[in-house]
Amino acid sequence: MGGFGKTTLAKEICKDDQVKSYFKDKIFFFTVSQSPNVEQLRKMIWEKISGCNLHGYGHGEMLPQWNLQYQWNTKSASPVLLILDDVWSASVLEPLIFKIPGCKILVVSRIKFPPSIIDCIYDLELLREDEAMPLFCHFAFGHNSFPRGFSQRLVKEIVDECEGLPLALKV
């Protein structure tokens, strides 16, 4: 379901000091969306990862094969983090997954992909009340706790109605 904070968490991973230290300037975030131009997206991803411009590849031409170990110098290549956000189907994802040593891919999606495509899955859970209350108060009142003069019962009812969904609590 939308509103869990999947994209927000993925963007925060990009800002994490340990992640930035490890991947340096090789963190790339792509929004895939529901109806992407997969070939154009593949081209953009490959250009970012390899540093090679693919001007010679026009519409309908095959891009270099994703299994590019012969072109990929693993000794000099720095690690790469590729984040594919808002992926809606396996048929779109599969052409974007490739095996290059040192390249990690984080897929952000509302659906679960089979282990044949994705080898590790993390399911986000709804917020518990002790997590939801401070989030609601932060967006509703500007700080993480009840302000004076507000009905705690009413605030709790609103938080309960949002059922731990971060976007609902924010809105």
N, C-alpha and C. Protein backbone atom coordinates (compact mmCIF):
# COMPACT_ATOMS: atom_id res chain seq x y z
N MET A 1 0.85 -1.18 0.00
CA MET A 1 0.00 0.00 0.00
C MET A 1 0.89 1.24 0.00
N GLY A 2 0.44 2.27 -0.63
CA GLY A 2 1.16 3.52 -0.60
C GLY A 2 1.07 4.17 0.77
N GLY A 3 2.04 5.01 1.09
CA GLY A 3 2.00 5.75 2.34
C GLY A 3 2.76 5.11 3.47
N PHE A 4 3.40 3.99 3.24
CA PHE A 4 4.19 3.33 4.28
C PHE A 4 5.49 4.05 4.56
N GLY A 5 5.99 4.80 3.60
CA GLY A 5 7.28 5.47 3.75
C GLY A 5 8.41 4.74 3.05
N LYS A 6 8.09 3.89 2.09
CA LYS A 6 9.10 3.11 1.38
C LYS A 6 10.09 4.03 0.67
N THR A 7 9.59 4.96 -0.11
CA THR A 7 10.45 5.88 -0.85
C THR A 7 11.23 6.77 0.11
N THR A 8 10.57 7.24 1.14
CA THR A 8 11.25 8.08 2.13
C THR A 8 12.43 7.34 2.75
N LEU A 9 12.23 6.08 3.12
CA LEU A 9 13.33 5.29 3.70
C LEU A 9 14.45 5.08 2.69
N ALA A 10 14.10 4.82 1.44
CA ALA A 10 15.13 4.62 0.42
C ALA A 10 15.95 5.89 0.23
N LYS A 11 15.30 7.05 0.24
CA LYS A 11 16.03 8.32 0.11
C LYS A 11 16.92 8.56 1.32
N GLU A 12 16.45 8.16 2.50
CA GLU A 12 17.27 8.31 3.72
C GLU A 12 18.50 7.42 3.67
N ILE A 13 18.38 6.24 3.07
CA ILE A 13 19.54 5.35 2.91
C ILE A 13 20.61 6.06 2.09
N CYS A 14 20.20 6.79 1.08
CA CYS A 14 21.15 7.53 0.24
C CYS A 14 21.90 8.59 1.03
N LYS A 15 21.30 9.11 2.10
CA LYS A 15 21.90 10.17 2.90
C LYS A 15 22.73 9.64 4.07
N ASP A 16 22.61 8.34 4.36
CA ASP A 16 23.30 7.75 5.50
C ASP A 16 24.82 7.86 5.34
N ASP A 17 25.50 8.31 6.39
CA ASP A 17 26.95 8.54 6.32
C ASP A 17 27.73 7.26 6.01
N GLN A 18 27.36 6.14 6.62
CA GLN A 18 28.06 4.89 6.34
C GLN A 18 27.85 4.45 4.90
N VAL A 19 26.63 4.58 4.41
CA VAL A 19 26.33 4.21 3.03
C VAL A 19 27.10 5.10 2.07
N LYS A 20 27.07 6.41 2.31
CA LYS A 20 27.79 7.35 1.44
C LYS A 20 29.30 7.09 1.48
N SER A 21 29.81 6.76 2.64
CA SER A 21 31.24 6.47 2.78
C SER A 21 31.64 5.25 1.97
N TYR A 22 30.81 4.23 1.98
CA TYR A 22 31.13 2.99 1.28
C TYR A 22 30.97 3.13 -0.24
N PHE A 23 29.87 3.73 -0.68
CA PHE A 23 29.58 3.81 -2.12
C PHE A 23 30.10 5.10 -2.75
N LYS A 24 30.54 6.04 -1.94
CA LYS A 24 31.08 7.32 -2.39
C LYS A 24 30.09 8.02 -3.34
N ASP A 25 30.52 8.34 -4.53
CA ASP A 25 29.65 9.06 -5.46
C ASP A 25 28.92 8.11 -6.39
N LYS A 26 28.81 6.87 -6.02
CA LYS A 26 28.19 5.85 -6.88
C LYS A 26 26.87 5.36 -6.28
N ILE A 27 26.01 6.30 -5.86
CA ILE A 27 24.66 5.99 -5.40
C ILE A 27 23.70 6.62 -6.40
N PHE A 28 22.88 5.77 -7.02
CA PHE A 28 22.00 6.25 -8.07
C PHE A 28 20.56 5.85 -7.77
N PHE A 29 19.67 6.82 -7.82
CA PHE A 29 18.26 6.64 -7.49
C PHE A 29 17.44 6.85 -8.76
N PHE A 30 16.67 5.83 -9.14
CA PHE A 30 15.81 5.93 -10.32
C PHE A 30 14.38 5.61 -9.93
N THR A 31 13.45 6.47 -10.33
CA THR A 31 12.04 6.18 -10.16
C THR A 31 11.57 5.46 -11.42
N VAL A 32 11.09 4.24 -11.23
CA VAL A 32 10.70 3.40 -12.37
C VAL A 32 9.29 3.73 -12.81
N SER A 33 8.34 3.79 -11.92
CA SER A 33 6.92 4.11 -12.14
C SER A 33 6.16 2.98 -12.81
N GLN A 34 4.89 3.21 -13.02
CA GLN A 34 3.99 2.15 -13.47
C GLN A 34 4.16 1.77 -14.94
N SER A 35 4.44 2.72 -15.80
CA SER A 35 4.59 2.43 -17.23
C SER A 35 5.86 3.06 -17.78
N PRO A 36 7.02 2.54 -17.39
CA PRO A 36 8.27 3.18 -17.82
C PRO A 36 8.68 2.75 -19.23
N ASN A 37 9.54 3.54 -19.82
CA ASN A 37 10.23 3.15 -21.04
C ASN A 37 11.46 2.37 -20.57
N VAL A 38 11.36 1.05 -20.56
CA VAL A 38 12.39 0.20 -19.96
C VAL A 38 13.73 0.36 -20.67
N GLU A 39 13.73 0.42 -22.00
CA GLU A 39 15.00 0.56 -22.72
C GLU A 39 15.68 1.88 -22.40
N GLN A 40 14.91 2.94 -22.32
CA GLN A 40 15.47 4.25 -21.98
C GLN A 40 16.02 4.23 -20.55
N LEU A 41 15.29 3.61 -19.65
CA LEU A 41 15.73 3.49 -18.26
C LEU A 41 17.01 2.66 -18.18
N ARG A 42 17.06 1.55 -18.90
CA ARG A 42 18.28 0.72 -18.93
C ARG A 42 19.47 1.53 -19.40
N LYS A 43 19.26 2.32 -20.42
CA LYS A 43 20.33 3.16 -20.97
C LYS A 43 20.82 4.16 -19.92
N MET A 44 19.89 4.84 -19.26
CA MET A 44 20.27 5.82 -18.25
C MET A 44 21.01 5.16 -17.09
N ILE A 45 20.55 3.99 -16.66
CA ILE A 45 21.19 3.27 -15.56
C ILE A 45 22.61 2.88 -15.97
N TRP A 46 22.74 2.30 -17.16
CA TRP A 46 24.07 1.86 -17.60
C TRP A 46 25.03 3.05 -17.73
N GLU A 47 24.55 4.18 -18.25
CA GLU A 47 25.40 5.36 -18.36
C GLU A 47 25.90 5.82 -16.99
N LYS A 48 25.02 5.81 -16.00
CA LYS A 48 25.42 6.22 -14.64
C LYS A 48 26.43 5.25 -14.04
N ILE A 49 26.12 3.96 -14.13
CA ILE A 49 26.98 2.95 -13.49
C ILE A 49 28.34 2.88 -14.17
N SER A 50 28.35 2.87 -15.49
CA SER A 50 29.61 2.67 -16.22
C SER A 50 30.38 3.96 -16.46
N GLY A 51 29.67 5.08 -16.44
CA GLY A 51 30.32 6.34 -16.79
C GLY A 51 30.48 6.52 -18.29
N CYS A 52 29.91 5.58 -19.06
CA CYS A 52 29.99 5.63 -20.53
C CYS A 52 28.71 6.22 -21.10
N ASN A 53 28.88 7.11 -22.05
CA ASN A 53 27.72 7.69 -22.71
C ASN A 53 27.34 6.81 -23.89
N LEU A 54 26.08 6.51 -24.04
CA LEU A 54 25.61 5.62 -25.10
C LEU A 54 24.91 6.39 -26.21
N HIS A 55 25.52 7.48 -26.67
CA HIS A 55 24.90 8.27 -27.74
C HIS A 55 24.65 7.45 -28.99
N GLY A 56 25.47 6.45 -29.26
CA GLY A 56 25.35 5.66 -30.48
C GLY A 56 24.16 4.72 -30.48
N TYR A 57 23.47 4.60 -29.36
CA TYR A 57 22.34 3.67 -29.28
C TYR A 57 21.04 4.45 -29.42
N GLY A 58 20.36 4.22 -30.50
CA GLY A 58 19.11 4.91 -30.75
C GLY A 58 17.93 4.03 -30.40
N HIS A 59 16.76 4.44 -30.81
CA HIS A 59 15.54 3.67 -30.55
C HIS A 59 15.61 2.34 -31.26
N GLY A 60 15.23 1.30 -30.56
CA GLY A 60 15.17 -0.03 -31.14
C GLY A 60 16.49 -0.76 -31.19
N GLU A 61 17.60 -0.07 -30.92
CA GLU A 61 18.89 -0.75 -30.92
C GLU A 61 19.12 -1.42 -29.57
N MET A 62 19.77 -2.55 -29.60
CA MET A 62 20.04 -3.28 -28.37
C MET A 62 21.16 -2.59 -27.59
N LEU A 63 20.93 -2.41 -26.32
CA LEU A 63 21.99 -1.91 -25.45
C LEU A 63 22.96 -3.04 -25.17
N PRO A 64 24.16 -2.72 -24.71
CA PRO A 64 25.09 -3.78 -24.36
C PRO A 64 24.45 -4.74 -23.38
N GLN A 65 24.82 -5.99 -23.46
CA GLN A 65 24.26 -7.00 -22.56
C GLN A 65 24.58 -6.63 -21.12
N TRP A 66 23.64 -6.94 -20.22
CA TRP A 66 23.83 -6.63 -18.80
C TRP A 66 24.92 -7.48 -18.19
N ASN A 67 25.20 -8.63 -18.74
CA ASN A 67 26.26 -9.48 -18.22
C ASN A 67 27.58 -8.98 -18.80
N LEU A 68 28.09 -7.92 -18.24
CA LEU A 68 29.21 -7.21 -18.85
C LEU A 68 30.52 -7.39 -18.10
N GLN A 69 30.75 -8.55 -17.51
CA GLN A 69 31.98 -8.75 -16.77
C GLN A 69 33.21 -8.48 -17.65
N TYR A 70 33.08 -8.75 -18.95
CA TYR A 70 34.23 -8.54 -19.83
C TYR A 70 34.59 -7.07 -19.95
N GLN A 71 33.63 -6.17 -19.71
CA GLN A 71 33.90 -4.74 -19.78
C GLN A 71 34.11 -4.13 -18.40
N TRP A 72 33.79 -4.87 -17.37
CA TRP A 72 33.79 -4.33 -16.03
C TRP A 72 35.07 -4.72 -15.32
N ASN A 73 35.93 -3.77 -15.05
CA ASN A 73 37.18 -4.06 -14.37
C ASN A 73 36.92 -4.05 -12.87
N THR A 74 36.80 -5.23 -12.26
CA THR A 74 36.40 -5.33 -10.86
C THR A 74 37.46 -4.79 -9.91
N LYS A 75 38.73 -4.75 -10.33
CA LYS A 75 39.78 -4.26 -9.44
C LYS A 75 39.72 -2.74 -9.29
N SER A 76 39.38 -2.04 -10.36
CA SER A 76 39.36 -0.58 -10.30
C SER A 76 37.96 -0.03 -10.06
N ALA A 77 36.95 -0.86 -10.24
CA ALA A 77 35.57 -0.37 -10.09
C ALA A 77 35.22 -0.20 -8.62
N SER A 78 34.63 0.94 -8.30
CA SER A 78 34.18 1.16 -6.93
C SER A 78 32.77 0.59 -6.79
N PRO A 79 32.36 0.27 -5.55
CA PRO A 79 31.02 -0.28 -5.36
C PRO A 79 29.94 0.71 -5.79
N VAL A 80 28.82 0.14 -6.24
CA VAL A 80 27.70 0.94 -6.75
C VAL A 80 26.43 0.54 -6.00
N LEU A 81 25.63 1.53 -5.62
CA LEU A 81 24.30 1.28 -5.06
C LEU A 81 23.29 1.85 -6.05
N LEU A 82 22.44 0.97 -6.55
CA LEU A 82 21.39 1.36 -7.49
C LEU A 82 20.06 1.17 -6.78
N ILE A 83 19.28 2.24 -6.68
CA ILE A 83 17.96 2.16 -6.06
C ILE A 83 16.91 2.33 -7.14
N LEU A 84 16.07 1.31 -7.27
CA LEU A 84 14.97 1.34 -8.23
C LEU A 84 13.69 1.51 -7.43
N ASP A 85 13.10 2.67 -7.49
CA ASP A 85 11.94 3.01 -6.69
C ASP A 85 10.65 2.89 -7.51
N ASP A 86 9.58 2.52 -6.83
CA ASP A 86 8.24 2.48 -7.42
C ASP A 86 8.17 1.49 -8.59
N VAL A 87 8.64 0.27 -8.33
CA VAL A 87 8.62 -0.80 -9.34
C VAL A 87 7.29 -1.53 -9.22
N TRP A 88 6.58 -1.67 -10.34
CA TRP A 88 5.22 -2.20 -10.32
C TRP A 88 5.09 -3.62 -10.83
N SER A 89 6.10 -4.16 -11.51
CA SER A 89 5.93 -5.51 -12.05
C SER A 89 7.27 -6.19 -12.27
N ALA A 90 7.23 -7.51 -12.25
CA ALA A 90 8.42 -8.32 -12.51
C ALA A 90 8.89 -8.13 -13.94
N SER A 91 7.94 -7.96 -14.86
CA SER A 91 8.32 -7.81 -16.27
C SER A 91 9.11 -6.53 -16.52
N VAL A 92 8.90 -5.53 -15.69
CA VAL A 92 9.69 -4.29 -15.78
C VAL A 92 11.00 -4.46 -15.03
N LEU A 93 10.94 -5.11 -13.88
CA LEU A 93 12.13 -5.22 -13.04
C LEU A 93 13.21 -6.12 -13.65
N GLU A 94 12.80 -7.24 -14.18
CA GLU A 94 13.80 -8.22 -14.66
C GLU A 94 14.81 -7.64 -15.64
N PRO A 95 14.42 -6.84 -16.62
CA PRO A 95 15.42 -6.28 -17.53
C PRO A 95 16.37 -5.27 -16.86
N LEU A 96 15.99 -4.79 -15.67
CA LEU A 96 16.80 -3.79 -14.98
C LEU A 96 17.76 -4.40 -13.95
N ILE A 97 17.60 -5.69 -13.70
CA ILE A 97 18.47 -6.39 -12.75
C ILE A 97 19.63 -6.99 -13.53
N PHE A 98 20.82 -6.76 -13.04
CA PHE A 98 22.00 -7.30 -13.70
C PHE A 98 23.03 -7.67 -12.65
N LYS A 99 23.98 -8.47 -13.04
CA LYS A 99 25.00 -8.97 -12.12
C LYS A 99 26.34 -8.36 -12.47
N ILE A 100 26.73 -7.38 -11.71
CA ILE A 100 28.05 -6.79 -11.85
C ILE A 100 28.68 -6.82 -10.46
N PRO A 101 29.87 -7.36 -10.32
CA PRO A 101 30.51 -7.40 -9.00
C PRO A 101 30.58 -6.02 -8.37
N GLY A 102 30.22 -5.94 -7.11
CA GLY A 102 30.27 -4.67 -6.37
C GLY A 102 29.02 -3.81 -6.52
N CYS A 103 28.08 -4.23 -7.32
CA CYS A 103 26.86 -3.46 -7.53
C CYS A 103 25.72 -4.06 -6.70
N LYS A 104 25.15 -3.26 -5.83
CA LYS A 104 24.01 -3.67 -5.02
C LYS A 104 22.79 -2.93 -5.53
N ILE A 105 21.67 -3.66 -5.56
CA ILE A 105 20.43 -3.06 -6.06
C ILE A 105 19.36 -3.15 -4.98
N LEU A 106 18.78 -2.01 -4.66
CA LEU A 106 17.65 -1.93 -3.72
C LEU A 106 16.40 -1.65 -4.54
N VAL A 107 15.42 -2.54 -4.43
CA VAL A 107 14.18 -2.38 -5.18
C VAL A 107 13.08 -1.97 -4.19
N VAL A 108 12.40 -0.88 -4.48
CA VAL A 108 11.32 -0.38 -3.64
C VAL A 108 10.02 -0.62 -4.40
N SER A 109 9.12 -1.40 -3.77
CA SER A 109 7.90 -1.78 -4.47
C SER A 109 6.78 -2.08 -3.50
N ARG A 110 5.57 -2.03 -4.01
CA ARG A 110 4.40 -2.42 -3.24
C ARG A 110 4.17 -3.93 -3.31
N ILE A 111 4.82 -4.58 -4.25
CA ILE A 111 4.60 -6.02 -4.42
C ILE A 111 5.85 -6.80 -4.01
N LYS A 112 5.65 -8.09 -3.70
CA LYS A 112 6.76 -8.98 -3.40
C LYS A 112 7.16 -9.70 -4.68
N PHE A 113 8.44 -9.70 -4.96
CA PHE A 113 8.95 -10.41 -6.12
C PHE A 113 9.46 -11.77 -5.68
N PRO A 114 9.41 -12.75 -6.58
CA PRO A 114 9.87 -14.09 -6.21
C PRO A 114 11.38 -14.12 -5.97
N PRO A 115 11.85 -15.11 -5.20
CA PRO A 115 13.29 -15.23 -4.92
C PRO A 115 14.14 -15.38 -6.18
N SER A 116 13.55 -15.81 -7.28
CA SER A 116 14.32 -15.92 -8.52
C SER A 116 14.73 -14.54 -9.06
N ILE A 117 14.04 -13.48 -8.60
CA ILE A 117 14.36 -12.12 -9.05
C ILE A 117 15.08 -11.35 -7.94
N ILE A 118 14.52 -11.40 -6.74
CA ILE A 118 15.06 -10.67 -5.59
C ILE A 118 15.43 -11.68 -4.52
N ASP A 119 16.66 -11.61 -4.03
CA ASP A 119 17.08 -12.64 -3.08
C ASP A 119 16.85 -12.29 -1.61
N CYS A 120 16.52 -11.05 -1.31
CA CYS A 120 16.27 -10.67 0.08
C CYS A 120 15.13 -9.64 0.11
N ILE A 121 14.14 -9.90 0.94
CA ILE A 121 12.97 -9.02 1.02
C ILE A 121 12.80 -8.51 2.44
N TYR A 122 12.50 -7.24 2.56
CA TYR A 122 12.19 -6.66 3.86
C TYR A 122 10.80 -6.05 3.77
N ASP A 123 9.88 -6.55 4.59
CA ASP A 123 8.52 -6.02 4.63
C ASP A 123 8.43 -4.91 5.66
N LEU A 124 7.93 -3.76 5.27
CA LEU A 124 7.69 -2.69 6.22
C LEU A 124 6.41 -2.99 6.99
N GLU A 125 6.42 -2.64 8.25
CA GLU A 125 5.23 -2.82 9.09
C GLU A 125 4.63 -1.46 9.40
N LEU A 126 3.36 -1.48 9.73
CA LEU A 126 2.71 -0.25 10.19
C LEU A 126 3.33 0.18 11.50
N LEU A 127 3.23 1.46 11.80
CA LEU A 127 3.79 1.98 13.05
C LEU A 127 2.97 1.52 14.25
N ARG A 128 3.69 1.23 15.33
CA ARG A 128 3.02 0.95 16.61
C ARG A 128 2.53 2.28 17.17
N GLU A 129 1.63 2.21 18.16
CA GLU A 129 1.08 3.45 18.72
C GLU A 129 2.18 4.35 19.30
N ASP A 130 3.18 3.76 19.95
CA ASP A 130 4.25 4.56 20.54
C ASP A 130 5.13 5.22 19.47
N GLU A 131 5.06 4.76 18.22
CA GLU A 131 5.77 5.40 17.12
C GLU A 131 4.84 6.37 16.38
N ALA A 132 3.57 6.01 16.28
CA ALA A 132 2.60 6.81 15.53
C ALA A 132 2.28 8.13 16.24
N MET A 133 2.14 8.07 17.55
CA MET A 133 1.76 9.27 18.31
C MET A 133 2.76 10.41 18.13
N PRO A 134 4.07 10.19 18.32
CA PRO A 134 5.02 11.29 18.11
C PRO A 134 5.04 11.80 16.67
N LEU A 135 4.86 10.91 15.70
CA LEU A 135 4.85 11.34 14.30
C LEU A 135 3.65 12.25 14.04
N PHE A 136 2.47 11.84 14.51
CA PHE A 136 1.29 12.68 14.34
C PHE A 136 1.48 14.03 15.02
N CYS A 137 1.94 14.01 16.27
CA CYS A 137 2.13 15.26 17.01
C CYS A 137 3.15 16.17 16.32
N HIS A 138 4.18 15.58 15.75
CA HIS A 138 5.19 16.37 15.04
C HIS A 138 4.55 17.16 13.89
N PHE A 139 3.75 16.49 13.08
CA PHE A 139 3.14 17.16 11.93
C PHE A 139 1.94 18.01 12.30
N ALA A 140 1.19 17.62 13.33
CA ALA A 140 0.00 18.38 13.71
C ALA A 140 0.33 19.58 14.59
N PHE A 141 1.32 19.41 15.46
CA PHE A 141 1.57 20.46 16.47
C PHE A 141 2.98 21.04 16.42
N GLY A 142 3.87 20.45 15.63
CA GLY A 142 5.22 21.01 15.53
C GLY A 142 6.20 20.46 16.54
N HIS A 143 5.77 19.55 17.40
CA HIS A 143 6.69 18.88 18.32
C HIS A 143 6.17 17.48 18.59
N ASN A 144 6.96 16.65 19.24
CA ASN A 144 6.66 15.21 19.30
C ASN A 144 5.79 14.75 20.47
N SER A 145 5.17 15.69 21.15
CA SER A 145 4.30 15.28 22.26
C SER A 145 3.05 16.16 22.28
N PHE A 146 2.10 15.77 23.13
CA PHE A 146 0.84 16.54 23.24
C PHE A 146 1.11 17.96 23.71
N PRO A 147 0.57 18.93 23.03
CA PRO A 147 0.66 20.30 23.56
C PRO A 147 -0.46 20.51 24.59
N ARG A 148 -0.26 21.43 25.44
CA ARG A 148 -1.31 21.76 26.42
C ARG A 148 -2.53 22.30 25.69
N GLY A 149 -3.67 22.02 26.25
CA GLY A 149 -4.91 22.56 25.72
C GLY A 149 -5.57 21.69 24.65
N PHE A 150 -4.95 20.59 24.28
CA PHE A 150 -5.55 19.70 23.29
C PHE A 150 -6.07 18.45 23.99
N SER A 151 -7.14 17.93 23.49
CA SER A 151 -7.74 16.73 24.06
C SER A 151 -6.90 15.50 23.70
N GLN A 152 -6.32 14.88 24.71
CA GLN A 152 -5.52 13.67 24.47
C GLN A 152 -6.40 12.56 23.90
N ARG A 153 -7.64 12.50 24.35
CA ARG A 153 -8.56 11.48 23.85
C ARG A 153 -8.80 11.66 22.36
N LEU A 154 -9.04 12.91 21.91
CA LEU A 154 -9.28 13.18 20.50
C LEU A 154 -8.04 12.87 19.67
N VAL A 155 -6.88 13.26 20.15
CA VAL A 155 -5.63 12.98 19.43
C VAL A 155 -5.42 11.48 19.31
N LYS A 156 -5.69 10.74 20.39
CA LYS A 156 -5.54 9.28 20.35
C LYS A 156 -6.53 8.66 19.35
N GLU A 157 -7.74 9.17 19.29
CA GLU A 157 -8.72 8.67 18.33
C GLU A 157 -8.25 8.88 16.89
N ILE A 158 -7.68 10.05 16.64
CA ILE A 158 -7.18 10.34 15.29
C ILE A 158 -6.03 9.40 14.95
N VAL A 159 -5.10 9.24 15.86
CA VAL A 159 -3.96 8.35 15.64
C VAL A 159 -4.43 6.92 15.43
N ASP A 160 -5.39 6.48 16.23
CA ASP A 160 -5.93 5.12 16.07
C ASP A 160 -6.59 4.95 14.70
N GLU A 161 -7.30 5.97 14.24
CA GLU A 161 -7.99 5.91 12.95
C GLU A 161 -6.98 5.78 11.79
N CYS A 162 -5.79 6.34 11.97
CA CYS A 162 -4.76 6.28 10.92
C CYS A 162 -4.11 4.90 10.85
N GLU A 163 -4.35 4.06 11.82
CA GLU A 163 -3.91 2.68 11.84
C GLU A 163 -2.43 2.48 11.58
N GLY A 164 -1.60 3.43 12.03
CA GLY A 164 -0.15 3.27 11.92
C GLY A 164 0.43 3.56 10.56
N LEU A 165 -0.35 4.10 9.65
CA LEU A 165 0.13 4.41 8.31
C LEU A 165 0.79 5.80 8.34
N PRO A 166 2.10 5.87 8.08
CA PRO A 166 2.81 7.15 8.21
C PRO A 166 2.22 8.30 7.39
N LEU A 167 1.86 8.06 6.14
CA LEU A 167 1.31 9.14 5.32
C LEU A 167 0.00 9.67 5.90
N ALA A 168 -0.88 8.78 6.39
CA ALA A 168 -2.13 9.22 6.99
C ALA A 168 -1.85 10.06 8.23
N LEU A 169 -0.87 9.67 9.01
CA LEU A 169 -0.52 10.43 10.23
C LEU A 169 0.01 11.80 9.86
N LYS A 170 0.78 11.88 8.81
CA LYS A 170 1.34 13.16 8.37
C LYS A 170 0.25 14.09 7.86
N VAL A 171 -0.66 13.55 7.04
CA VAL A 171 -1.71 14.37 6.44
C VAL A 171 -2.72 14.78 7.49
